[in-house]
Amino acid sequence: MPIEVVCLRPEADFARVGALPPPALSVRYCGPADAELAAHIKTAQALVIPAVGPKLPNDLFADTALKLVQVTGPAPIGSPPTRSSAATSRSPMCRAAATALSPNMC
């Protein structure tokens, strides 16, 4: 069964650098203003949030199944897509989830 992840960054951010998550993660991409965000977080095991953006309310995290919150930094505006050696072997999202949730998934 895939590990459920909610990601508050656009999927395009990960696609641009060749770091899409593996099938072992079931990722729901949405924004902090999404009306369903609280419901999605209730059942997710991991949350990926951008380093910049609006503050998330504390009560959003009450009574959730979250085991990991991963903060990801922004890519500089106008920077060309790059593919680091880390991204070629395991995406940052996968490495973080593997560390916290299931070491053998990636």
N, C-alpha and C. Protein backbone atom coordinates (compact mmCIF):
# COMPACT_ATOMS: atom_id res chain seq x y z
N MET A 1 0.85 -1.18 0.00
CA MET A 1 0.00 0.00 0.00
C MET A 1 0.90 1.24 0.00
N PRO A 2 0.64 2.19 -0.91
CA PRO A 2 1.48 3.38 -0.97
C PRO A 2 1.35 4.24 0.29
N ILE A 3 2.42 4.92 0.61
CA ILE A 3 2.43 5.85 1.73
C ILE A 3 1.80 7.16 1.26
N GLU A 4 0.80 7.64 1.99
CA GLU A 4 0.07 8.84 1.61
C GLU A 4 0.84 10.09 2.03
N VAL A 5 1.05 10.98 1.06
CA VAL A 5 1.79 12.22 1.28
C VAL A 5 0.96 13.38 0.74
N VAL A 6 0.91 14.45 1.48
CA VAL A 6 0.31 15.70 1.00
C VAL A 6 1.47 16.66 0.73
N CYS A 7 1.48 17.24 -0.46
CA CYS A 7 2.55 18.14 -0.85
C CYS A 7 1.97 19.51 -1.18
N LEU A 8 2.46 20.54 -0.49
CA LEU A 8 1.98 21.90 -0.73
C LEU A 8 2.84 22.65 -1.74
N ARG A 9 3.68 21.93 -2.44
CA ARG A 9 4.43 22.50 -3.57
C ARG A 9 3.84 21.93 -4.85
N PRO A 10 3.92 22.67 -5.94
CA PRO A 10 3.40 22.15 -7.21
C PRO A 10 4.21 20.95 -7.70
N GLU A 11 3.54 20.02 -8.32
CA GLU A 11 4.22 18.85 -8.87
C GLU A 11 5.29 19.28 -9.88
N ALA A 12 5.03 20.37 -10.59
CA ALA A 12 5.98 20.87 -11.59
C ALA A 12 7.34 21.20 -10.99
N ASP A 13 7.39 21.62 -9.72
CA ASP A 13 8.67 21.90 -9.07
C ASP A 13 9.57 20.66 -9.05
N PHE A 14 8.98 19.51 -8.83
CA PHE A 14 9.74 18.26 -8.77
C PHE A 14 10.03 17.72 -10.17
N ALA A 15 9.06 17.86 -11.07
CA ALA A 15 9.24 17.39 -12.44
C ALA A 15 10.36 18.16 -13.13
N ARG A 16 10.44 19.45 -12.86
CA ARG A 16 11.43 20.31 -13.51
C ARG A 16 12.86 19.83 -13.25
N VAL A 17 13.11 19.25 -12.09
CA VAL A 17 14.47 18.79 -11.76
C VAL A 17 14.59 17.26 -11.79
N GLY A 18 13.59 16.61 -12.35
CA GLY A 18 13.66 15.15 -12.48
C GLY A 18 13.60 14.42 -11.15
N ALA A 19 12.82 14.94 -10.20
CA ALA A 19 12.76 14.34 -8.87
C ALA A 19 11.34 13.99 -8.47
N LEU A 20 10.59 13.39 -9.40
CA LEU A 20 9.23 12.97 -9.06
C LEU A 20 9.29 11.78 -8.10
N PRO A 21 8.31 11.69 -7.21
CA PRO A 21 8.31 10.60 -6.23
C PRO A 21 8.03 9.25 -6.89
N PRO A 22 8.50 8.18 -6.27
CA PRO A 22 8.25 6.84 -6.80
C PRO A 22 6.83 6.38 -6.49
N PRO A 23 6.38 5.30 -7.11
CA PRO A 23 5.03 4.78 -6.88
C PRO A 23 4.77 4.36 -5.43
N ALA A 24 5.82 4.18 -4.64
CA ALA A 24 5.63 3.81 -3.24
C ALA A 24 4.99 4.95 -2.44
N LEU A 25 4.98 6.16 -3.02
CA LEU A 25 4.34 7.30 -2.39
C LEU A 25 3.10 7.69 -3.18
N SER A 26 2.00 7.86 -2.50
CA SER A 26 0.79 8.36 -3.12
C SER A 26 0.70 9.84 -2.74
N VAL A 27 1.07 10.71 -3.68
CA VAL A 27 1.19 12.14 -3.38
C VAL A 27 -0.02 12.91 -3.88
N ARG A 28 -0.59 13.71 -2.99
CA ARG A 28 -1.68 14.61 -3.33
C ARG A 28 -1.10 16.02 -3.30
N TYR A 29 -1.06 16.67 -4.46
CA TYR A 29 -0.54 18.03 -4.56
C TYR A 29 -1.70 19.00 -4.38
N CYS A 30 -1.52 19.96 -3.50
CA CYS A 30 -2.54 20.99 -3.28
C CYS A 30 -1.85 22.22 -2.70
N GLY A 31 -2.60 23.26 -2.52
CA GLY A 31 -2.05 24.50 -1.97
C GLY A 31 -2.53 24.74 -0.56
N PRO A 32 -1.88 25.66 0.14
CA PRO A 32 -2.27 25.94 1.53
C PRO A 32 -3.68 26.50 1.66
N ALA A 33 -4.23 27.05 0.59
CA ALA A 33 -5.59 27.60 0.64
C ALA A 33 -6.65 26.59 0.19
N ASP A 34 -6.24 25.38 -0.14
CA ASP A 34 -7.17 24.35 -0.59
C ASP A 34 -8.18 24.06 0.51
N ALA A 35 -9.45 24.09 0.17
CA ALA A 35 -10.52 23.87 1.15
C ALA A 35 -10.47 22.47 1.76
N GLU A 36 -9.90 21.51 1.06
CA GLU A 36 -9.83 20.13 1.53
C GLU A 36 -8.52 19.80 2.24
N LEU A 37 -7.63 20.78 2.42
CA LEU A 37 -6.32 20.51 3.00
C LEU A 37 -6.40 19.82 4.36
N ALA A 38 -7.22 20.31 5.25
CA ALA A 38 -7.33 19.72 6.59
C ALA A 38 -7.76 18.25 6.52
N ALA A 39 -8.69 17.94 5.63
CA ALA A 39 -9.15 16.56 5.48
C ALA A 39 -8.04 15.68 4.91
N HIS A 40 -7.28 16.20 3.96
CA HIS A 40 -6.18 15.42 3.37
C HIS A 40 -5.10 15.13 4.41
N ILE A 41 -4.78 16.09 5.24
CA ILE A 41 -3.73 15.93 6.25
C ILE A 41 -4.14 14.94 7.33
N LYS A 42 -5.40 14.82 7.60
CA LYS A 42 -5.87 13.90 8.66
C LYS A 42 -5.39 12.47 8.42
N THR A 43 -5.35 12.04 7.16
CA THR A 43 -4.99 10.66 6.87
C THR A 43 -3.58 10.49 6.31
N ALA A 44 -2.94 11.58 5.93
CA ALA A 44 -1.59 11.50 5.34
C ALA A 44 -0.56 11.14 6.41
N GLN A 45 0.47 10.44 5.99
CA GLN A 45 1.58 10.10 6.89
C GLN A 45 2.70 11.13 6.81
N ALA A 46 2.76 11.85 5.68
CA ALA A 46 3.81 12.85 5.51
C ALA A 46 3.25 14.09 4.83
N LEU A 47 3.85 15.23 5.16
CA LEU A 47 3.47 16.52 4.59
C LEU A 47 4.73 17.20 4.09
N VAL A 48 4.73 17.63 2.84
CA VAL A 48 5.85 18.36 2.26
C VAL A 48 5.39 19.80 2.09
N ILE A 49 6.13 20.74 2.69
CA ILE A 49 5.75 22.15 2.61
C ILE A 49 6.92 22.96 2.08
N PRO A 50 6.61 24.07 1.39
CA PRO A 50 7.69 24.94 0.92
C PRO A 50 8.27 25.75 2.07
N ALA A 51 9.52 26.14 1.91
CA ALA A 51 10.18 26.94 2.95
C ALA A 51 9.60 28.34 3.03
N VAL A 52 8.97 28.79 1.97
CA VAL A 52 8.36 30.12 1.95
C VAL A 52 6.87 29.97 1.67
N GLY A 53 6.09 30.88 2.20
CA GLY A 53 4.65 30.83 1.99
C GLY A 53 3.91 31.21 3.25
N PRO A 54 2.60 31.11 3.19
CA PRO A 54 1.81 31.50 4.36
C PRO A 54 2.01 30.55 5.53
N LYS A 55 1.87 31.09 6.74
CA LYS A 55 1.96 30.27 7.95
C LYS A 55 0.77 29.33 7.98
N LEU A 56 1.04 28.08 8.31
CA LEU A 56 -0.04 27.11 8.45
C LEU A 56 -0.56 27.17 9.88
N PRO A 57 -1.88 27.17 10.07
CA PRO A 57 -2.42 27.25 11.43
C PRO A 57 -2.08 26.00 12.24
N ASN A 58 -1.80 26.21 13.51
CA ASN A 58 -1.45 25.10 14.40
C ASN A 58 -2.52 24.02 14.45
N ASP A 59 -3.78 24.42 14.45
CA ASP A 59 -4.86 23.43 14.57
C ASP A 59 -4.96 22.52 13.34
N LEU A 60 -4.31 22.88 12.26
CA LEU A 60 -4.28 22.04 11.07
C LEU A 60 -3.61 20.69 11.37
N PHE A 61 -2.71 20.69 12.35
CA PHE A 61 -1.94 19.49 12.68
C PHE A 61 -2.56 18.65 13.81
N ALA A 62 -3.65 19.12 14.38
CA ALA A 62 -4.31 18.38 15.48
C ALA A 62 -4.97 17.11 14.94
N ASP A 63 -4.80 16.03 15.67
CA ASP A 63 -5.46 14.76 15.35
C ASP A 63 -5.16 14.26 13.93
N THR A 64 -3.91 14.35 13.53
CA THR A 64 -3.52 13.85 12.21
C THR A 64 -2.72 12.55 12.37
N ALA A 65 -2.51 11.90 11.24
CA ALA A 65 -1.69 10.69 11.21
C ALA A 65 -0.25 11.01 10.80
N LEU A 66 0.10 12.30 10.73
CA LEU A 66 1.42 12.70 10.25
C LEU A 66 2.54 12.13 11.10
N LYS A 67 3.56 11.62 10.41
CA LYS A 67 4.77 11.14 11.06
C LYS A 67 5.98 11.97 10.64
N LEU A 68 5.80 12.75 9.56
CA LEU A 68 6.90 13.53 9.01
C LEU A 68 6.37 14.81 8.38
N VAL A 69 7.03 15.92 8.67
CA VAL A 69 6.80 17.17 7.94
C VAL A 69 8.14 17.56 7.35
N GLN A 70 8.22 17.60 6.02
CA GLN A 70 9.46 17.92 5.31
C GLN A 70 9.34 19.31 4.73
N VAL A 71 10.27 20.20 5.09
CA VAL A 71 10.31 21.55 4.54
C VAL A 71 11.31 21.54 3.39
N THR A 72 10.85 21.99 2.22
CA THR A 72 11.73 22.03 1.05
C THR A 72 12.01 23.47 0.66
N GLY A 73 13.23 23.75 0.27
CA GLY A 73 13.63 25.10 -0.11
C GLY A 73 13.20 25.42 -1.53
N PRO A 74 13.08 26.71 -1.81
CA PRO A 74 12.67 27.12 -3.16
C PRO A 74 13.84 27.04 -4.12
N ALA A 75 13.54 26.78 -5.38
CA ALA A 75 14.55 26.88 -6.43
C ALA A 75 14.63 28.35 -6.83
N PRO A 76 15.82 28.88 -7.03
CA PRO A 76 15.92 30.28 -7.42
C PRO A 76 15.15 30.56 -8.71
N ILE A 77 14.45 31.66 -8.77
CA ILE A 77 13.68 32.03 -9.95
C ILE A 77 14.63 32.20 -11.13
N GLY A 78 14.27 31.59 -12.23
CA GLY A 78 15.07 31.69 -13.44
C GLY A 78 16.23 30.73 -13.50
N SER A 79 16.39 29.89 -12.47
CA SER A 79 17.51 28.95 -12.50
C SER A 79 17.17 27.82 -13.47
N PRO A 80 18.18 27.36 -14.20
CA PRO A 80 17.91 26.28 -15.15
C PRO A 80 17.66 24.98 -14.40
N PRO A 81 16.89 24.08 -14.99
CA PRO A 81 16.68 22.79 -14.34
C PRO A 81 18.01 22.07 -14.18
N THR A 82 18.20 21.49 -13.02
CA THR A 82 19.41 20.71 -12.79
C THR A 82 19.01 19.35 -12.26
N ARG A 83 19.90 18.44 -12.38
CA ARG A 83 19.63 17.09 -11.88
C ARG A 83 20.84 16.66 -11.07
N SER A 84 20.71 16.74 -9.77
CA SER A 84 21.83 16.38 -8.90
C SER A 84 21.95 14.87 -8.83
N SER A 85 23.08 14.40 -8.34
CA SER A 85 23.25 12.95 -8.19
C SER A 85 22.24 12.40 -7.20
N ALA A 86 21.86 13.21 -6.21
CA ALA A 86 20.84 12.76 -5.25
C ALA A 86 19.50 12.58 -5.93
N ALA A 87 19.16 13.48 -6.84
CA ALA A 87 17.87 13.40 -7.52
C ALA A 87 17.82 12.21 -8.47
N THR A 88 18.96 11.82 -9.01
CA THR A 88 18.94 10.69 -9.94
C THR A 88 18.73 9.37 -9.22
N SER A 89 19.17 9.25 -7.99
CA SER A 89 19.00 7.99 -7.29
C SER A 89 17.70 7.94 -6.51
N ARG A 90 17.40 8.98 -5.75
CA ARG A 90 16.16 9.06 -4.98
C ARG A 90 15.76 10.52 -4.88
N SER A 91 14.49 10.79 -5.09
CA SER A 91 14.04 12.17 -4.98
C SER A 91 14.13 12.61 -3.52
N PRO A 92 14.27 13.93 -3.27
CA PRO A 92 14.30 14.41 -1.89
C PRO A 92 13.06 13.99 -1.11
N MET A 93 11.90 14.00 -1.78
CA MET A 93 10.67 13.60 -1.10
C MET A 93 10.76 12.13 -0.69
N CYS A 94 11.30 11.31 -1.57
CA CYS A 94 11.42 9.89 -1.28
C CYS A 94 12.42 9.64 -0.16
N ARG A 95 13.56 10.31 -0.20
CA ARG A 95 14.57 10.11 0.85
C ARG A 95 14.01 10.47 2.21
N ALA A 96 13.29 11.59 2.29
CA ALA A 96 12.73 12.02 3.58
C ALA A 96 11.70 11.01 4.08
N ALA A 97 10.83 10.58 3.20
CA ALA A 97 9.80 9.62 3.60
C ALA A 97 10.42 8.28 3.97
N ALA A 98 11.42 7.87 3.21
CA ALA A 98 12.06 6.59 3.50
C ALA A 98 12.72 6.61 4.87
N THR A 99 13.35 7.71 5.20
CA THR A 99 14.01 7.83 6.49
C THR A 99 13.02 7.71 7.64
N ALA A 100 11.89 8.38 7.50
CA ALA A 100 10.94 8.44 8.60
C ALA A 100 9.91 7.31 8.61
N LEU A 101 9.56 6.81 7.44
CA LEU A 101 8.41 5.92 7.38
C LEU A 101 8.73 4.48 6.99
N SER A 102 9.58 4.30 6.01
CA SER A 102 9.84 2.94 5.52
C SER A 102 11.19 2.93 4.82
N PRO A 103 12.27 2.60 5.52
CA PRO A 103 13.62 2.70 4.98
C PRO A 103 13.87 1.96 3.68
N ASN A 104 13.10 0.95 3.35
CA ASN A 104 13.36 0.16 2.16
C ASN A 104 12.46 0.50 0.97
N MET A 105 11.72 1.60 1.05
CA MET A 105 10.75 1.88 0.00
C MET A 105 11.34 2.46 -1.27
N CYS A 106 12.48 3.15 -1.20
CA CYS A 106 13.04 3.81 -2.39
C CYS A 106 14.27 3.09 -2.88
